[in-house]
C-alpha atoms as a PDB file:
ATOM      1  CA  MET A   1     183.088 -80.353  57.203  1.00  0.00           C
ATOM      2  CA  ILE A   2     185.996 -81.775  55.230  1.00  0.00           C
ATOM      3  CA  THR A   3     188.730 -79.383  54.058  1.00  0.00           C
ATOM      4  CA  ASN A   4     192.040 -79.849  52.328  1.00  0.00           C
ATOM      5  CA  LEU A   5     195.232 -78.724  54.055  1.00  0.00           C
ATOM      6  CA  ASP A   6     194.974 -75.322  52.342  1.00  0.00           C
ATOM      7  CA  GLY A   7     191.644 -74.740  54.127  1.00  0.00           C
ATOM      8  CA  ARG A   8     189.443 -75.104  51.048  1.00  0.00           C
ATOM      9  CA  GLU A   9     186.095 -76.685  51.927  1.00  0.00           C
ATOM     10  CA  ILE A  10     185.605 -79.989  50.125  1.00  0.00           C
ATOM     11  CA  VAL A  11     182.212 -81.114  51.479  1.00  0.00           C
ATOM     12  CA  THR A  12     179.938 -80.720  54.494  1.00  0.00           C
ATOM     13  CA  LEU A  13     178.926 -84.116  55.856  1.00  0.00           C
ATOM     14  CA  VAL A  14     176.457 -83.086  58.582  1.00  0.00           C
ATOM     15  CA  ASP A  15     174.701 -79.732  58.577  1.00  0.00           C
ATOM     16  CA  LYS A  16     172.189 -79.949  61.403  1.00  0.00           C
ATOM     17  CA  GLN A  17     172.011 -79.453  65.131  1.00  0.00           C
ATOM     18  CA  MET A  18     172.593 -82.675  67.066  1.00  0.00           C
ATOM     19  CA  SER A  19     172.269 -83.705  70.691  1.00  0.00           C
ATOM     20  CA  GLN A  20     175.367 -84.132  72.840  1.00  0.00           C
ATOM     21  CA  GLY A  21     177.210 -87.417  72.407  1.00  0.00           C
ATOM     22  CA  ARG A  22     179.490 -89.380  70.153  1.00  0.00           C
ATOM     23  CA  PHE A  23     178.704 -89.686  66.462  1.00  0.00           C
ATOM     24  CA  THR A  24     180.280 -91.445  63.515  1.00  0.00           C
ATOM     25  CA  THR A  25     179.895 -90.423  59.909  1.00  0.00           C
ATOM     26  CA  GLN A  26     181.270 -91.828  56.670  1.00  0.00           C
ATOM     27  CA  TRP A  27     182.957 -89.818  53.937  1.00  0.00           C
ATOM     28  CA  ASN A  28     183.039 -91.472  50.521  1.00  0.00           C
ATOM     29  CA  GLY A  29     186.042 -89.444  49.355  1.00  0.00           C
ATOM     30  CA  SER A  30     184.000 -87.185  47.060  1.00  0.00           C
ATOM     31  CA  ASP A  31     183.563 -83.422  47.035  1.00  0.00           C
ATOM     32  CA  ALA A  32     180.214 -81.593  47.196  1.00  0.00           C
ATOM     33  CA  SER A  33     179.738 -82.139  43.440  1.00  0.00           C
ATOM     34  CA  ALA A  34     180.323 -85.928  43.762  1.00  0.00           C
ATOM     35  CA  ASN A  35     183.778 -85.694  42.134  1.00  0.00           C
ATOM     36  CA  ALA A  36     186.345 -88.109  43.558  1.00  0.00           C
ATOM     37  CA  CYS A  37     189.037 -86.395  45.648  1.00  0.00           C
ATOM     38  CA  ALA A  38     192.690 -87.201  45.232  1.00  0.00           C
ATOM     39  CA  ALA A  39     194.350 -89.494  47.758  1.00  0.00           C
ATOM     40  CA  GLY A  40     195.969 -87.380  50.446  1.00  0.00           C
ATOM     41  CA  THR A  41     195.505 -85.734  53.826  1.00  0.00           C
ATOM     42  CA  TYR A  42     192.362 -83.830  54.741  1.00  0.00           C
ATOM     43  CA  LEU A  43     190.880 -82.256  57.877  1.00  0.00           C
ATOM     44  CA  ALA A  44     187.521 -83.198  59.399  1.00  0.00           C
ATOM     45  CA  THR A  45     186.159 -80.317  61.488  1.00  0.00           C
ATOM     46  CA  SER A  46     183.335 -80.476  63.999  1.00  0.00           C
ATOM     47  CA  CYS A  47     181.863 -77.317  65.546  1.00  0.00           C
ATOM     48  CA  ARG A  48     179.660 -77.149  68.603  1.00  0.00           C
ATOM     49  CA  LYS A  49     177.772 -74.603  70.637  1.00  0.00           C
ATOM     50  CA  GLY A  50     176.395 -75.159  74.125  1.00  0.00           C
ATOM     51  CA  ASP A  51     175.420 -73.526  77.394  1.00  0.00           C
ATOM     52  CA  THR A  52     178.929 -73.717  78.886  1.00  0.00           C
ATOM     53  CA  GLU A  53     180.927 -73.201  75.698  1.00  0.00           C
ATOM     54  CA  PRO A  54     181.539 -70.060  73.674  1.00  0.00           C
ATOM     55  CA  ALA A  55     179.864 -69.904  70.286  1.00  0.00           C
ATOM     56  CA  GLY A  56     181.731 -71.577  67.481  1.00  0.00           C
ATOM     57  CA  VAL A  57     183.993 -73.979  69.409  1.00  0.00           C
ATOM     58  CA  CYS A  58     185.541 -76.221  66.753  1.00  0.00           C
ATOM     59  CA  SER A  59     187.909 -79.172  66.732  1.00  0.00           C
ATOM     60  CA  SER A  60     189.665 -80.785  63.783  1.00  0.00           C
ATOM     61  CA  SER A  61     191.056 -84.240  63.143  1.00  0.00           C
ATOM     62  CA  GLN A  62     193.543 -85.078  60.441  1.00  0.00           C
ATOM     63  CA  ILE A  63     192.427 -87.923  58.176  1.00  0.00           C
ATOM     64  CA  ALA A  64     194.124 -89.735  55.330  1.00  0.00           C
ATOM     65  CA  LEU A  65     192.223 -90.621  52.176  1.00  0.00           C
ATOM     66  CA  PRO A  66     193.887 -93.749  50.810  1.00  0.00           C
ATOM     67  CA  ILE A  67     193.387 -94.767  47.201  1.00  0.00           C
ATOM     68  CA  GLY A  68     190.134 -96.719  46.792  1.00  0.00           C
ATOM     69  CA  LYS A  69     189.089 -96.580  50.479  1.00  0.00           C
ATOM     70  CA  GLU A  70     186.455 -94.706  52.500  1.00  0.00           C
ATOM     71  CA  PRO A  71     187.744 -93.286  55.804  1.00  0.00           C
ATOM     72  CA  SER A  72     185.585 -93.333  58.938  1.00  0.00           C
ATOM     73  CA  ILE A  73     185.462 -90.157  60.985  1.00  0.00           C
ATOM     74  CA  CYS A  74     184.656 -90.260  64.670  1.00  0.00           C
ATOM     75  CA  MET A  75     184.529 -86.974  66.573  1.00  0.00           C
ATOM     76  CA  GLU A  76     183.262 -86.230  70.086  1.00  0.00           C
END
């Protein structure tokens, strides 16, 4: 999920259960309605649930959306 710094959800990139491991996804800088987002700082949040973890464990990474570029997001 990508949010702005105010916590407003911009778009969900992956909405499915995945096996354990490292994954990379690409965000094209658009919101859920395919509107271009302004250059700025956003948060990429990944949530996981497993046998040894409490439900809803989430981690966030700060990303910058430069003008005319697509940021890569890599979260473990």
